[in-house]
């Protein structure tokens, strides 16, 4: 049981380290695409990042198990055929 807790904790932390730079990159790209030269562009960037971080993290935690199941079903079917 302790091993499954460690694996679960590892997956959550690992997911966080994937989501963190991904959301930052997407927030930065979104800001650059708007092409608005604000004096406070760094504040806008971090506000966008802080809003998107929990949203994307929750989505990844919810969708990752479904994606893994779907992938394993697809690959198992292709291997068995």
C-alpha atoms as a PDB file:
ATOM      1  CA  UNK A   1       0.000   0.000   0.000  1.00  0.00           C
ATOM      2  CA  UNK A   2       2.863   2.370   0.753  1.00  0.00           C
ATOM      3  CA  UNK A   3       4.254   1.747  -2.718  1.00  0.00           C
ATOM      4  CA  UNK A   4       0.983   2.766  -4.387  1.00  0.00           C
ATOM      5  CA  UNK A   5       0.888   5.972  -2.303  1.00  0.00           C
ATOM      6  CA  UNK A   6       4.426   6.784  -3.398  1.00  0.00           C
ATOM      7  CA  UNK A   7       3.526   6.085  -7.027  1.00  0.00           C
ATOM      8  CA  UNK A   8       0.409   8.261  -6.753  1.00  0.00           C
ATOM      9  CA  UNK A   9       2.388  11.094  -5.161  1.00  0.00           C
ATOM     10  CA  UNK A  10       5.086  10.700  -7.826  1.00  0.00           C
ATOM     11  CA  UNK A  11       2.513  10.969 -10.611  1.00  0.00           C
ATOM     12  CA  UNK A  12       0.979  14.106  -9.107  1.00  0.00           C
ATOM     13  CA  UNK A  13       4.341  15.831  -8.667  1.00  0.00           C
ATOM     14  CA  UNK A  14       5.518  14.709 -12.093  1.00  0.00           C
ATOM     15  CA  UNK A  15       2.340  16.063 -13.651  1.00  0.00           C
ATOM     16  CA  UNK A  16       2.902  19.363 -11.859  1.00  0.00           C
ATOM     17  CA  UNK A  17       6.369  19.699 -13.382  1.00  0.00           C
ATOM     18  CA  UNK A  18       4.907  19.117 -16.844  1.00  0.00           C
ATOM     19  CA  UNK A  19       2.004  21.527 -16.348  1.00  0.00           C
ATOM     20  CA  UNK A  20       4.098  24.311 -14.822  1.00  0.00           C
ATOM     21  CA  UNK A  21       6.296  25.135 -17.844  1.00  0.00           C
ATOM     22  CA  UNK A  22       3.526  24.301 -20.308  1.00  0.00           C
ATOM     23  CA  UNK A  23       1.141  26.838 -18.810  1.00  0.00           C
ATOM     24  CA  UNK A  24       3.912  29.437 -18.613  1.00  0.00           C
ATOM     25  CA  UNK A  25       4.769  28.975 -22.286  1.00  0.00           C
ATOM     26  CA  UNK A  26       1.112  29.170 -23.311  1.00  0.00           C
ATOM     27  CA  UNK A  27       0.554  32.307 -21.212  1.00  0.00           C
ATOM     28  CA  UNK A  28       3.627  33.953 -22.711  1.00  0.00           C
ATOM     29  CA  UNK A  29       2.571  33.050 -26.244  1.00  0.00           C
ATOM     30  CA  UNK A  30      -0.931  34.321 -25.600  1.00  0.00           C
ATOM     31  CA  UNK A  31       0.478  37.613 -24.382  1.00  0.00           C
ATOM     32  CA  UNK A  32       2.765  37.983 -27.378  1.00  0.00           C
ATOM     33  CA  UNK A  33      -0.022  37.130 -29.811  1.00  0.00           C
ATOM     34  CA  UNK A  34      -2.154  39.979 -28.473  1.00  0.00           C
ATOM     35  CA  UNK A  35       0.673  42.357 -29.384  1.00  0.00           C
ATOM     36  CA  UNK A  36      -0.346  44.820 -26.716  1.00  0.00           C
ATOM     37  CA  UNK A  37       2.601  46.794 -25.402  1.00  0.00           C
ATOM     38  CA  UNK A  38       1.504  47.367 -21.823  1.00  0.00           C
ATOM     39  CA  UNK A  39       3.742  48.969 -19.273  1.00  0.00           C
ATOM     40  CA  UNK A  40       2.744  46.154 -16.933  1.00  0.00           C
ATOM     41  CA  UNK A  41       3.178  43.257 -19.364  1.00  0.00           C
ATOM     42  CA  UNK A  42       5.047  41.134 -16.836  1.00  0.00           C
ATOM     43  CA  UNK A  43       2.171  41.498 -14.371  1.00  0.00           C
ATOM     44  CA  UNK A  44      -0.328  40.519 -17.048  1.00  0.00           C
ATOM     45  CA  UNK A  45       1.831  37.515 -17.950  1.00  0.00           C
ATOM     46  CA  UNK A  46       2.004  36.250 -14.372  1.00  0.00           C
ATOM     47  CA  UNK A  47      -1.711  36.907 -13.790  1.00  0.00           C
ATOM     48  CA  UNK A  48      -2.531  34.846 -16.867  1.00  0.00           C
ATOM     49  CA  UNK A  49      -0.140  32.136 -15.755  1.00  0.00           C
ATOM     50  CA  UNK A  50      -1.528  31.971 -12.220  1.00  0.00           C
ATOM     51  CA  UNK A  51      -5.072  31.681 -13.559  1.00  0.00           C
ATOM     52  CA  UNK A  52      -4.245  28.997 -16.112  1.00  0.00           C
ATOM     53  CA  UNK A  53      -2.033  26.891 -13.825  1.00  0.00           C
ATOM     54  CA  UNK A  54      -4.737  25.425 -11.541  1.00  0.00           C
ATOM     55  CA  UNK A  55      -7.192  25.022 -14.419  1.00  0.00           C
ATOM     56  CA  UNK A  56      -4.760  23.075 -16.589  1.00  0.00           C
ATOM     57  CA  UNK A  57      -3.445  21.071 -13.619  1.00  0.00           C
ATOM     58  CA  UNK A  58      -6.958  19.942 -12.689  1.00  0.00           C
ATOM     59  CA  UNK A  59      -7.744  19.078 -16.306  1.00  0.00           C
ATOM     60  CA  UNK A  60      -4.576  17.035 -16.659  1.00  0.00           C
ATOM     61  CA  UNK A  61      -5.240  15.149 -13.425  1.00  0.00           C
ATOM     62  CA  UNK A  62      -8.745  14.326 -14.619  1.00  0.00           C
ATOM     63  CA  UNK A  63      -7.938  13.514 -18.243  1.00  0.00           C
ATOM     64  CA  UNK A  64      -4.612  11.694 -17.889  1.00  0.00           C
ATOM     65  CA  UNK A  65      -6.098   8.450 -16.497  1.00  0.00           C
ATOM     66  CA  UNK A  66      -8.711   8.441 -19.261  1.00  0.00           C
ATOM     67  CA  UNK A  67      -6.050   9.029 -21.898  1.00  0.00           C
ATOM     68  CA  UNK A  68      -3.932   6.201 -20.468  1.00  0.00           C
ATOM     69  CA  UNK A  69      -6.887   3.792 -20.533  1.00  0.00           C
ATOM     70  CA  UNK A  70      -7.812   4.763 -24.072  1.00  0.00           C
ATOM     71  CA  UNK A  71      -4.222   4.405 -25.245  1.00  0.00           C
ATOM     72  CA  UNK A  72      -3.829   0.996 -23.655  1.00  0.00           C
ATOM     73  CA  UNK A  73      -7.087  -0.187 -25.234  1.00  0.00           C
ATOM     74  CA  UNK A  74      -6.049   1.047 -28.668  1.00  0.00           C
ATOM     75  CA  UNK A  75      -2.573  -0.439 -28.443  1.00  0.00           C
ATOM     76  CA  UNK A  76      -3.806  -3.723 -26.998  1.00  0.00           C
ATOM     77  CA  UNK A  77      -6.299  -4.087 -29.839  1.00  0.00           C
ATOM     78  CA  UNK A  78      -3.650  -3.352 -32.444  1.00  0.00           C
ATOM     79  CA  UNK A  79      -1.182  -5.778 -30.893  1.00  0.00           C
ATOM     80  CA  UNK A  80      -3.727  -8.614 -30.560  1.00  0.00           C
ATOM     81  CA  UNK A  81      -5.054  -8.271 -34.127  1.00  0.00           C
END
